[in-house]
Every structure is written in structure tokens, then in C-alpha cells.
Protein backbone atom coordinates (compact mmCIF):
# COMPACT_ATOMS: atom_id res chain seq x y z
CA MET A 1 -34.51 24.91 -70.00
CA ILE A 2 -35.42 23.26 -66.71
CA LEU A 3 -34.81 19.80 -68.24
CA LYS A 4 -31.31 20.80 -69.45
CA THR A 5 -30.35 22.20 -66.04
CA THR A 6 -31.57 19.02 -64.31
CA SER A 7 -29.55 16.85 -66.69
CA ARG A 8 -26.39 18.82 -65.97
CA LEU A 9 -26.94 18.43 -62.21
CA LEU A 10 -27.45 14.66 -62.59
CA MET A 11 -24.25 14.38 -64.66
CA ALA A 12 -22.28 16.32 -62.04
CA PHE A 13 -23.68 14.21 -59.20
CA THR A 14 -22.92 10.97 -61.07
CA ALA A 15 -19.32 12.06 -61.75
CA THR A 16 -18.79 12.96 -58.11
CA ALA A 17 -20.24 9.63 -56.95
CA LEU A 18 -18.00 7.69 -59.34
CA PHE A 19 -14.94 9.63 -58.15
CA LEU A 20 -15.71 8.97 -54.49
CA THR A 21 -16.38 5.28 -55.19
CA PHE A 22 -13.13 4.93 -57.13
CA THR A 23 -11.01 6.68 -54.51
CA GLY A 24 -12.73 4.69 -51.76
CA CYS A 25 -11.89 1.44 -53.53
CA LEU A 26 -8.32 2.63 -54.11
CA LYS A 27 -7.97 3.48 -50.43
CA ASP A 28 -9.27 0.04 -49.42
CA SER A 29 -6.97 -1.73 -51.85
CA VAL A 30 -3.84 -0.08 -50.32
CA LYS A 31 -4.17 -0.91 -46.63
CA GLN A 32 -1.63 0.57 -44.28
CA THR A 33 0.34 -1.79 -42.09
CA ARG A 34 0.74 -1.35 -38.36
CA THR A 35 3.28 -2.84 -36.00
CA TYR A 36 2.25 -3.77 -32.46
CA THR A 37 4.75 -4.68 -29.78
CA TYR A 38 3.40 -6.19 -26.61
CA THR A 39 4.48 -8.25 -23.61
CA MET A 40 2.82 -11.52 -22.74
CA LEU A 41 3.03 -12.64 -19.11
CA THR A 42 2.27 -16.33 -18.82
CA PRO A 43 1.77 -17.78 -15.32
CA VAL A 44 3.95 -20.45 -13.73
CA TYR A 45 2.04 -22.60 -11.24
CA LYS A 46 2.69 -24.67 -8.14
CA THR A 47 0.24 -26.54 -5.96
CA ARG A 48 -0.66 -25.06 -2.58
CA ALA A 49 1.18 -27.91 -0.89
CA GLU A 50 4.32 -27.10 -2.87
CA VAL A 51 4.06 -23.40 -2.02
CA TYR A 52 3.59 -24.07 1.70
CA SER A 53 6.45 -26.56 1.90
CA ALA A 54 8.75 -24.15 0.06
CA MET A 55 7.88 -21.11 2.20
CA ASN A 56 11.32 -21.17 3.86
CA SER A 57 13.31 -22.38 0.86
CA ASN A 58 14.69 -18.98 -0.11
CA PRO A 59 16.35 -17.54 3.04
CA ALA A 60 18.19 -14.67 1.34
CA GLU A 61 15.74 -13.03 -1.05
CA LYS A 62 17.05 -9.66 -2.24
CA ILE A 63 15.03 -6.50 -1.71
CA THR A 64 14.01 -5.29 -5.14
CA SER A 65 10.59 -3.79 -4.34
CA ALA A 66 10.04 -3.02 -0.65
CA GLY A 67 6.42 -2.67 0.45
CA LYS A 68 4.58 -2.50 3.75
CA ILE A 69 6.15 -2.85 7.18
CA TYR A 70 5.12 -4.32 10.54
CA ILE A 71 7.01 -4.27 13.86
CA LYS A 72 6.59 -6.76 16.71
CA GLY A 73 9.05 -6.70 19.59
CA ASN A 74 12.60 -6.78 18.22
CA PHE A 75 11.46 -8.08 14.85
CA ILE A 76 10.64 -6.25 11.65
CA TYR A 77 8.42 -7.82 9.00
CA LEU A 78 9.08 -6.18 5.63
CA ASN A 79 7.00 -7.02 2.58
CA GLU A 80 8.71 -7.77 -0.73
CA VAL A 81 5.86 -6.82 -3.08
CA ASP A 82 4.09 -9.91 -4.47
CA LYS A 83 6.92 -12.19 -3.29
CA GLY A 84 6.85 -12.55 0.47
CA ILE A 85 8.10 -11.24 3.80
CA HIS A 86 11.60 -10.51 5.13
CA VAL A 87 11.84 -11.38 8.84
CA ILE A 88 14.52 -9.11 10.34
CA ASP A 89 16.03 -9.19 13.82
CA ASN A 90 16.33 -5.54 14.84
CA SER A 91 17.80 -6.04 18.32
CA ASN A 92 20.61 -3.78 17.12
CA PRO A 93 19.14 -1.11 14.78
CA SER A 94 22.66 -0.28 13.61
CA ASN A 95 23.06 -3.83 12.35
CA PRO A 96 19.72 -5.45 11.41
CA ALA A 97 20.02 -9.12 10.48
CA GLN A 98 17.71 -11.15 8.30
CA VAL A 99 16.40 -14.21 10.13
CA ALA A 100 14.33 -15.64 7.32
CA PHE A 101 12.43 -14.90 4.16
CA LEU A 102 8.90 -16.24 3.89
CA ASP A 103 8.23 -17.00 0.25
CA ILE A 104 4.54 -16.06 -0.14
CA PRO A 105 3.45 -15.41 -3.76
CA GLY A 106 1.19 -12.39 -4.15
CA ASN A 107 1.89 -11.07 -0.64
CA ARG A 108 1.42 -7.36 0.12
CA ASP A 109 0.41 -7.04 3.78
CA MET A 110 0.81 -8.74 7.16
CA ALA A 111 0.19 -8.56 10.92
CA VAL A 112 1.35 -10.63 13.88
CA LYS A 113 -0.40 -11.90 17.02
CA GLY A 114 1.78 -13.95 19.35
CA ASN A 115 3.53 -16.51 17.17
CA ILE A 116 0.98 -16.34 14.35
CA LEU A 117 1.56 -14.17 11.31
CA TYR A 118 -1.39 -13.24 9.10
CA ALA A 119 -0.60 -12.57 5.45
CA ASP A 120 -2.34 -12.37 2.11
CA MET A 121 -1.46 -14.77 -0.69
CA TYR A 122 -3.26 -13.16 -3.62
CA SER A 123 -6.94 -13.52 -2.62
CA ASP A 124 -6.36 -15.85 0.35
CA LEU A 125 -5.72 -14.97 3.99
CA LEU A 126 -3.15 -17.25 5.62
CA ALA A 127 -2.39 -17.88 9.30
CA ILE A 128 1.27 -18.93 9.62
CA ASP A 129 2.97 -20.28 12.73
CA ILE A 130 6.34 -18.47 12.96
CA THR A 131 7.45 -19.87 16.32
CA ASN A 132 10.51 -20.89 14.32
CA PRO A 133 10.57 -18.44 11.38
CA LYS A 134 12.99 -20.76 9.58
CA GLN A 135 10.47 -23.60 9.70
CA THR A 136 6.99 -22.17 9.37
CA THR A 137 3.65 -23.93 9.13
CA VAL A 138 0.39 -22.69 7.58
CA THR A 139 -2.22 -23.39 10.26
CA LYS A 140 -5.30 -22.03 8.49
CA GLU A 141 -6.35 -20.47 5.20
CA ILE A 142 -9.43 -18.45 4.35
CA LYS A 143 -9.79 -18.74 0.61
CA ASN A 144 -11.04 -15.84 -1.53
CA PHE A 145 -11.00 -13.48 1.45
CA PHE A 146 -9.47 -10.57 -0.48
CA GLN A 147 -12.05 -10.27 -3.21
CA TYR A 148 -10.26 -7.49 -5.12
CA ARG A 149 -7.15 -9.63 -5.66
CA TYR A 150 -7.97 -11.54 -8.81
CA TYR A 151 -6.27 -12.75 -11.98
CA GLN A 152 -7.02 -11.08 -15.28
CA ASN A 153 -7.85 -14.42 -16.91
CA PRO A 154 -9.65 -16.53 -14.30
CA THR A 155 -10.61 -19.19 -16.85
CA VAL A 156 -7.13 -20.70 -16.58
CA ILE A 157 -6.93 -20.64 -12.80
CA ASP A 158 -7.36 -23.88 -10.87
CA ASN A 159 -8.16 -23.11 -7.23
CA SER A 160 -5.68 -25.77 -6.14
CA LEU A 161 -2.85 -23.97 -7.95
CA VAL A 162 -0.96 -20.79 -7.09
CA VAL A 163 0.88 -18.51 -9.51
CA VAL A 164 4.49 -18.29 -8.31
CA ASP A 165 6.05 -16.47 -11.26
CA TRP A 166 5.41 -15.03 -14.69
CA ILE A 167 7.25 -15.77 -17.93
CA ARG A 168 7.70 -12.59 -19.94
CA LYS A 169 7.75 -12.78 -23.72
CA ASP A 170 8.08 -9.69 -25.90
CA THR A 171 6.33 -10.14 -29.23
CA THR A 172 5.99 -7.95 -32.32
CA ILE A 173 3.14 -8.33 -34.81
CA THR A 174 2.82 -6.57 -38.19
CA THR A 175 -0.75 -6.48 -39.46
CA THR A 176 -3.22 -4.45 -41.50
CA GLU A 177 -5.83 -4.75 -38.76
CA THR A 178 -6.68 -1.41 -37.19
CA ASN A 179 -7.59 -2.81 -33.77
CA TYR A 180 -5.36 -5.81 -33.20
CA PHE A 181 -5.52 -7.91 -30.05
CA PRO A 182 -3.47 -11.09 -29.63
CA GLY A 183 -6.48 -13.16 -28.58
CA VAL A 184 -5.73 -16.87 -28.35
CA ASP A 185 -2.02 -16.14 -28.77
CA CYS A 186 -2.14 -14.48 -25.36
CA PHE A 187 -4.42 -16.97 -23.62
CA GLY A 188 -3.42 -17.25 -19.97
CA CYS A 189 -1.49 -13.97 -19.89
CA LYS A 190 -1.63 -11.78 -16.79
CA TYR A 191 -2.14 -8.69 -18.89
CA PHE A 192 -1.67 -7.29 -22.36
CA GLU A 193 0.29 -4.10 -22.80
CA THR A 194 0.94 -2.21 -26.01
CA THR A 195 4.42 -0.74 -25.85
CA ALA A 196 4.69 0.71 -29.33
CA TYR A 197 2.55 1.56 -32.32
CA THR A 198 3.78 2.51 -35.78
CA GLN A 199 2.00 3.28 -39.01
CA SER A 200 3.68 3.19 -42.41
CA GLY A 201 3.97 6.59 -43.97
CA ASN A 202 4.29 9.23 -41.29
CA VAL A 203 5.50 6.89 -38.46
CA LEU A 204 3.30 7.71 -35.51
CA ALA A 205 4.76 6.39 -32.21
CA SER A 206 2.98 6.22 -28.88
CA ALA A 207 3.10 4.27 -25.63
CA ALA A 208 0.27 2.90 -23.54
CA ALA A 209 0.26 1.17 -20.23
CA SER A 210 -1.71 -2.06 -20.22
CA GLY A 211 -0.47 -1.32 -14.15
CA LYS A 212 0.67 -5.92 19.98
CA GLY A 213 2.58 -5.02 16.77
CA LEU A 214 2.77 -1.76 14.99
CA ALA A 215 1.66 -1.38 11.39
CA GLY A 216 2.57 1.44 9.04
CA SER A 217 0.09 4.00 7.72
CA MET A 218 -0.21 2.15 4.39
CA ALA A 219 -1.67 -0.96 6.05
CA SER A 220 -4.91 -2.44 4.77
CA LEU A 221 -4.93 -5.23 7.38
CA VAL A 222 -4.76 -4.46 11.13
CA LEU A 223 -5.32 -6.19 14.48
CA MET A 224 -7.33 -4.88 17.40
CA ASN A 225 -7.90 -7.02 20.48
CA ASP A 226 -9.18 -10.40 19.27
CA TYR A 227 -10.12 -9.29 15.78
CA LEU A 228 -8.47 -8.68 12.46
CA TYR A 229 -9.90 -5.93 10.24
CA ALA A 230 -9.00 -5.93 6.56
CA ILE A 231 -10.16 -4.37 3.30
CA ARG A 232 -11.76 -7.28 1.43
CA GLU A 233 -12.68 -5.22 -1.63
CA PRO A 234 -12.72 -1.43 -2.24
CA HIS A 235 -15.95 -0.80 -0.34
CA SER A 236 -16.02 -3.27 2.54
CA ILE A 237 -14.12 -4.40 5.64
CA GLY A 238 -13.92 -8.03 6.72
CA ILE A 239 -13.89 -8.84 10.44
CA VAL A 240 -11.99 -12.01 11.35
CA ASN A 241 -12.12 -13.60 14.80
CA ILE A 242 -8.55 -14.38 15.95
CA GLU A 243 -9.28 -15.33 19.55
CA ASN A 244 -7.80 -18.67 18.55
CA ALA A 245 -4.88 -17.08 16.72
CA ALA A 246 -3.91 -20.20 14.77
CA ALA A 247 -7.46 -20.78 13.49
CA PRO A 248 -8.94 -17.44 12.33
CA SER A 249 -12.55 -17.42 11.17
CA LEU A 250 -14.46 -14.84 9.18
CA ASP A 251 -17.24 -13.39 11.33
CA THR A 252 -18.76 -10.74 9.12
CA THR A 253 -18.22 -8.13 6.43
CA PHE A 254 -19.62 -4.60 6.46
CA SER A 255 -19.86 -1.82 3.90
CA ALA A 256 -17.52 0.88 5.14
CA GLY A 257 -17.14 3.50 2.40
CA PHE A 258 -15.97 3.97 -1.15
CA ASP A 259 -12.61 3.15 -2.77
CA LEU A 260 -10.99 2.19 0.53
CA GLU A 261 -7.19 1.94 0.66
CA THR A 262 -5.82 2.03 4.21
CA ILE A 263 -6.81 1.28 7.83
CA TYR A 264 -5.41 3.00 10.92
CA PRO A 265 -6.51 1.74 14.38
CA PHE A 266 -6.56 4.18 17.28
CA GLU A 267 -8.16 3.93 20.73
CA ASN A 268 -10.90 1.47 19.78
CA LYS A 269 -11.61 3.28 16.54
CA LEU A 270 -10.82 2.69 12.89
CA PHE A 271 -9.74 5.51 10.58
CA LEU A 272 -10.15 4.47 6.96
CA GLY A 273 -8.37 6.26 4.13
CA SER A 274 -10.01 6.16 0.72
CA MET A 275 -9.60 7.72 -2.71
CA THR A 276 -12.39 10.15 -1.87
CA GLY A 277 -12.02 10.86 1.84
CA MET A 278 -11.64 9.54 5.39
CA TYR A 279 -14.19 7.40 7.26
CA MET A 280 -14.25 6.91 11.05
CA TYR A 281 -15.82 4.00 12.96
CA ASP A 282 -16.31 3.23 16.65
CA LEU A 283 -15.51 -0.36 17.72
CA SER A 284 -17.26 -0.46 21.09
CA ASN A 285 -18.98 -3.48 19.59
CA PRO A 286 -16.11 -5.05 17.60
CA LEU A 287 -18.47 -7.01 15.34
CA VAL A 288 -20.80 -4.08 14.62
CA PRO A 289 -18.66 -1.00 13.90
CA ALA A 290 -20.66 2.21 14.29
CA LYS A 291 -20.01 4.90 11.74
CA LEU A 292 -18.94 8.24 13.15
CA GLY A 293 -18.14 11.10 10.78
CA GLU A 294 -16.43 11.31 7.42
CA PHE A 295 -14.22 13.85 5.71
CA SER A 296 -14.35 14.26 1.94
CA HIS A 297 -11.65 15.51 -0.39
CA GLY A 298 -10.87 15.51 -4.11
CA ARG A 299 -9.95 12.20 -5.71
CA ALA A 300 -6.46 11.06 -4.67
CA CYS A 301 -4.61 8.25 -2.87
CA ASP A 302 -5.14 8.76 0.84
CA PRO A 303 -3.43 7.22 3.90
CA VAL A 304 -4.36 8.69 7.30
CA VAL A 305 -3.05 8.73 10.90
CA THR A 306 -4.37 10.44 14.01
CA ASP A 307 -3.29 11.56 17.47
CA GLY A 308 -6.85 11.70 18.79
CA SER A 309 -7.25 15.46 18.36
CA PHE A 310 -6.41 15.78 14.67
CA ALA A 311 -6.32 13.47 11.67
CA TYR A 312 -3.43 13.86 9.23
CA VAL A 313 -4.33 12.92 5.68
CA THR A 314 -1.85 12.85 2.80
CA LEU A 315 -3.15 13.04 -0.77
CA HIS A 316 -1.12 12.15 -3.82
CA ALA A 317 -2.11 12.17 -7.44
CA GLY A 318 -1.62 9.62 -10.16
CA ALA A 319 -1.39 5.84 -9.97
CA SER A 320 -4.84 4.25 -9.88
CA CYS A 321 -6.34 7.05 -7.80
CA GLY A 322 -6.38 9.84 -10.35
CA GLY A 323 -6.70 13.44 -9.24
CA THR A 324 -4.04 16.16 -9.17
CA ALA A 325 -3.63 16.97 -5.46
CA ASN A 326 -0.30 16.45 -3.68
CA GLU A 327 -0.85 17.80 -0.19
CA LEU A 328 -1.38 17.26 3.52
CA ASN A 329 -4.82 17.89 4.99
CA ILE A 330 -5.05 18.39 8.76
CA VAL A 331 -8.55 17.73 10.09
CA ASP A 332 -9.92 18.64 13.52
CA ILE A 333 -11.70 15.56 14.91
CA GLU A 334 -12.65 16.89 18.35
CA ASP A 335 -16.22 16.28 17.21
CA LEU A 336 -15.90 12.92 15.46
CA MET A 337 -19.33 13.34 13.88
CA ASN A 338 -18.33 16.65 12.31
CA PRO A 339 -14.65 16.72 11.27
CA VAL A 340 -13.37 20.11 10.12
CA LEU A 341 -10.46 20.88 7.79
CA VAL A 342 -7.95 23.07 9.62
CA LYS A 343 -5.30 23.63 6.98
CA THR A 344 -3.78 22.25 3.78
CA TYR A 345 -0.05 22.10 3.03
CA ASP A 346 1.35 21.58 -0.48
CA LEU A 347 3.79 18.70 -0.90
CA THR A 348 5.63 16.86 -3.70
CA LYS A 349 3.97 13.43 -3.76
CA PRO A 350 3.27 12.26 -0.19
CA THR A 351 2.46 8.69 0.83
CA GLY A 352 2.99 7.20 4.32
CA LEU A 353 3.19 9.27 7.48
CA CYS A 354 3.62 8.92 11.25
CA LYS A 355 3.27 11.07 14.36
CA ASP A 356 5.29 10.86 17.57
CA GLY A 357 4.27 13.49 20.08
CA ASP A 358 4.62 16.85 18.37
CA LEU A 359 6.77 15.39 15.58
CA LEU A 360 5.18 14.60 12.23
CA PHE A 361 7.02 12.48 9.65
CA ILE A 362 5.83 12.46 6.04
CA CYS A 363 7.23 10.37 3.18
CA ASP A 364 7.18 12.77 0.24
CA GLY A 365 8.37 10.98 -2.89
CA THR A 366 11.52 12.45 -4.42
CA SER A 367 11.65 15.01 -1.60
CA GLY A 368 12.54 12.26 0.89
CA VAL A 369 11.08 12.29 4.39
CA ARG A 370 9.93 15.60 5.84
CA LEU A 371 10.02 16.08 9.61
CA TYR A 372 7.78 18.79 11.06
CA ASP A 373 7.17 20.39 14.42
CA ALA A 374 3.39 19.93 14.56
CA SER A 375 2.77 21.52 17.95
CA ASP A 376 0.72 24.15 16.10
CA VAL A 377 -1.16 22.42 13.26
CA SER A 378 -2.06 25.74 11.68
CA ASP A 379 1.63 26.58 11.32
CA LEU A 380 3.75 23.47 10.72
CA LYS A 381 7.49 24.11 10.87
CA GLN A 382 9.79 21.85 8.89
CA LEU A 383 12.71 20.75 11.07
CA LYS A 384 14.46 18.46 8.63
CA GLN A 385 14.26 17.01 5.15
CA ILE A 386 15.83 13.53 5.18
CA GLU A 387 17.15 12.43 1.80
CA VAL A 388 15.76 8.98 0.99
CA ASN A 389 15.22 7.51 -2.46
CA GLU A 390 11.45 7.38 -3.09
CA SER A 391 10.30 6.90 0.51
CA TYR A 392 7.04 4.97 0.89
CA ASP A 393 6.14 4.55 4.57
CA VAL A 394 7.52 5.41 8.01
CA ILE A 395 7.11 4.18 11.59
CA ALA A 396 8.64 6.37 14.32
CA ALA A 397 8.68 5.91 18.09
CA ASN A 398 11.06 6.41 20.99
CA GLY A 399 13.67 8.19 18.90
CA LEU A 400 13.91 5.47 16.22
CA ALA A 401 12.42 5.99 12.75
CA LEU A 402 12.11 3.16 10.23
CA VAL A 403 11.63 4.33 6.65
CA VAL A 404 10.64 2.02 3.81
CA ALA A 405 12.03 3.24 0.50
CA LYS A 406 12.14 1.81 -3.00
CA ASP A 407 15.50 0.13 -2.39
CA GLY A 408 15.14 -1.07 1.21
CA LEU A 409 14.75 -0.16 4.86
CA TYR A 410 16.45 2.87 6.45
CA GLN A 411 16.74 3.46 10.21
CA TYR A 412 17.39 6.83 11.84
CA ASP A 413 18.07 8.04 15.36
CA TYR A 414 15.99 11.22 15.81
CA SER A 415 16.39 11.53 19.58
CA ASN A 416 18.12 14.82 18.75
CA THR A 417 16.10 16.41 15.95
CA GLY A 418 18.93 18.84 15.35
CA ASN A 419 21.25 15.95 14.54
CA ILE A 420 19.32 13.06 12.97
CA ARG A 421 21.68 10.14 12.37
CA LEU A 422 21.42 7.31 9.84
CA LEU A 423 21.92 4.06 11.77
CA SER A 424 21.61 1.47 9.02
CA VAL A 425 20.35 0.65 5.54
CA TYR A 426 18.92 -2.82 4.93
CA SER A 427 18.94 -3.18 1.18
CA ILE A 428 20.12 -5.25 -1.76
CA SER A 429 23.76 -4.80 -0.74
CA ASN A 430 23.07 -6.40 2.65
CA ASN A 431 21.90 -9.70 1.21
């Protein structure tokens, strides 16, 4: 009886095993096809000499992606993201006029001392003589200064060459591979991005992403006295001696915090905005910054400005910073070693900000620029909401506000806060 029962169990097990083996083989023999659509970005190179000699060859570059801003005297320096710098004569704010465009591949930030402009070209720091902005000269370069600015495929990069453009090529591949990557077909590409994915049968679709001048609050490179301070990589600040403005030299680098994004100089101090908080340093010894206090917040992008009594920190979610907060934090810094959060205000998606006396300007994404009466930080009163398309940063002083937006530079007269007037728009249509 026991033998018969065991035989039946063996027969049942064998039948099940054969069925599973057969169906497994059948499944393997009918592989499902997948279609991948991706974009290859292949670099176009020029030598450094070619790039430097062609720096003034494109005098009327259109504004398609406005970035950071710097003001020196009657001139505005406006970054065109990854392309260069618009030099604008702002003697008449109602009619700004482009003087020149400095074609600097990979540029995102700048500062000016005398007739020398400092700018990044990908990972390099350049000193450029702009005595005649229509005929500039690179006087010094510090290679590999910005250590976080790198190419995705460094094996194809010759240090004597500079990427000046990218050739886009959309490609579609149909394959039975479950984890396809273009490999050698994409050698030299800036990045690989999957834009669509389909599977035969039930057609699953998805998308995946591969990504003494006055600086704005989004600056990551600032000047103070005879030194330039810049974020070299997310955790450290480089200190460059610019006593001889045309021949800057790297003095030292110090660890300053975590996930650093912005630098704001104020009264011999540095206020550093990071994805996790705000760090404050004393520059009594400019080569050995002394850490004061720090203020921590949830993960978010974080520019900061101060008036000496309070620090104003905007947090916005998304991008590379992560987090979910979209708000303004006002921090009491009377005791710099022990900053205290005073109040938090909810916003849409704030970025750059500026303070002029009791007036606080905040760029707030699709909500434009918000102007507050900040005489009582515990009870901000909104005076005006200026409609600007995706505002990014703002500099305001002496009744003139310059706002960088997605499509250009806006200037406003706010001498009468009850009647703020648009003076000019420097955008694509002006070029």
C-alpha cells in the first residue's frame, strides 16, 4: 500500500516537472521583442586655440536659455547656459544694448575685477581681459579647477580639445534583449537617454530621463577683496588669489560642507547654500575660513541671502536635489554660531532671491516674482506679484530690479512699490 502511494506521487511529480520544462522551453522559444528609442549626443571638438580666437566671433547670440547674472558698473553680464556670456550696456535700463557675446563653451558662471572677467569653461577657470569686450584675450587658465564639471565619457576627451557642440541623433532599435544598451554604437556620446519602451503584446509605454560687481543669489563663484571663492566640487571651496587680476593662482581648497550649490558674500563672511542646509564662514583670514554655525533643513535646492540680522533661504524640490519642500525659511543669525529658524512660508517653486532694505524679492517659478514687505520677518506681507515667465534670479538695488527668466532679462522700476513699471525686456526678439 505504501509502495503504491509512493509510485503515484512520483508519477505526479514527474508529470508536473515535464509540464514546467515544456512550458519553460516554449516560453524561451517565443521571445518578445522590445523597441528602444534613444538619443545619441556626439561631441564636436575644437582646439583651445580655436576656441579662444573665436570667443568674439558670434556678436549676436540669441538668448535661448538665460542663466546667472553679474553686474559691474553700467554693464550686465548674462550667462547663456553652456554657451557663453552676453555683455550688455545698461546705461539706459529702458533700452539695454548688447555690446558683445563671449562664446565660451560650457560656461555657467562669471565675476569681474577691473577689466578681467573670470568664467568657467567646463572644468577650467579662465581669466579674460575684456578691456575691449569685442576683442578679448584669455590671460590665464587654471585647468581642471571645477572638478564636478566632467564629461560622461572621459576616454574620448583630449585635454587639448574643447567640446563646442553636440550632434543629436535619434535612433530606434528593435531587439529581443531585455536590458539593451547601445554600447559601442554610442561610444563618445554625452549621455544615453531612453525615450520610449514598447513590448509586443500589451504595449507598455514609459519614459525615462537619461538631466566691485554684484552677483545674483544663484552664484557659485564670487569675489571678495583679492580672492575668488568658488565651489570646486559639491563639498569644497577653492580659494584663488587674484591680487594680480590677469594671472589668478589657486592658493588652497577647503572642505566646506555637503552638496554645496551657492555662495553669498556679506561683510567678510561667506554664506553657503547646500542641498541640506546653510553653512557660514568668517573670512578674517581669507586663506583660512573659520566655520561659524550651520542651519540644516530637509533635502532641497537652496540659495541663500542675508541682511546681517537674518538669513533668507529658499527651498525648492525636484531637479537633482530631490525633496518635496517649496518654501522660504527665515533664520535668525544674531548668534552666528547658533542660527534659529524664525518662520517658514510656503511658496510655489522658489529659486533666486534678493533683499533691498525692508523689501524682499523672491523668484517663485510659475508664480513670477513675489515682492514682500519684510520689516517684520514673522509676518511677511506680499506687496506685489510680478508676472514673469519662469523667473530664475533677481538683483535689486536703488529702485531697479533685474530679473533673469527663462526667455531673457527683465528690468523693473520699483521706486514706487505701488506702481512697479516694466522698463525693458532683453530677449530673443531684441537680437
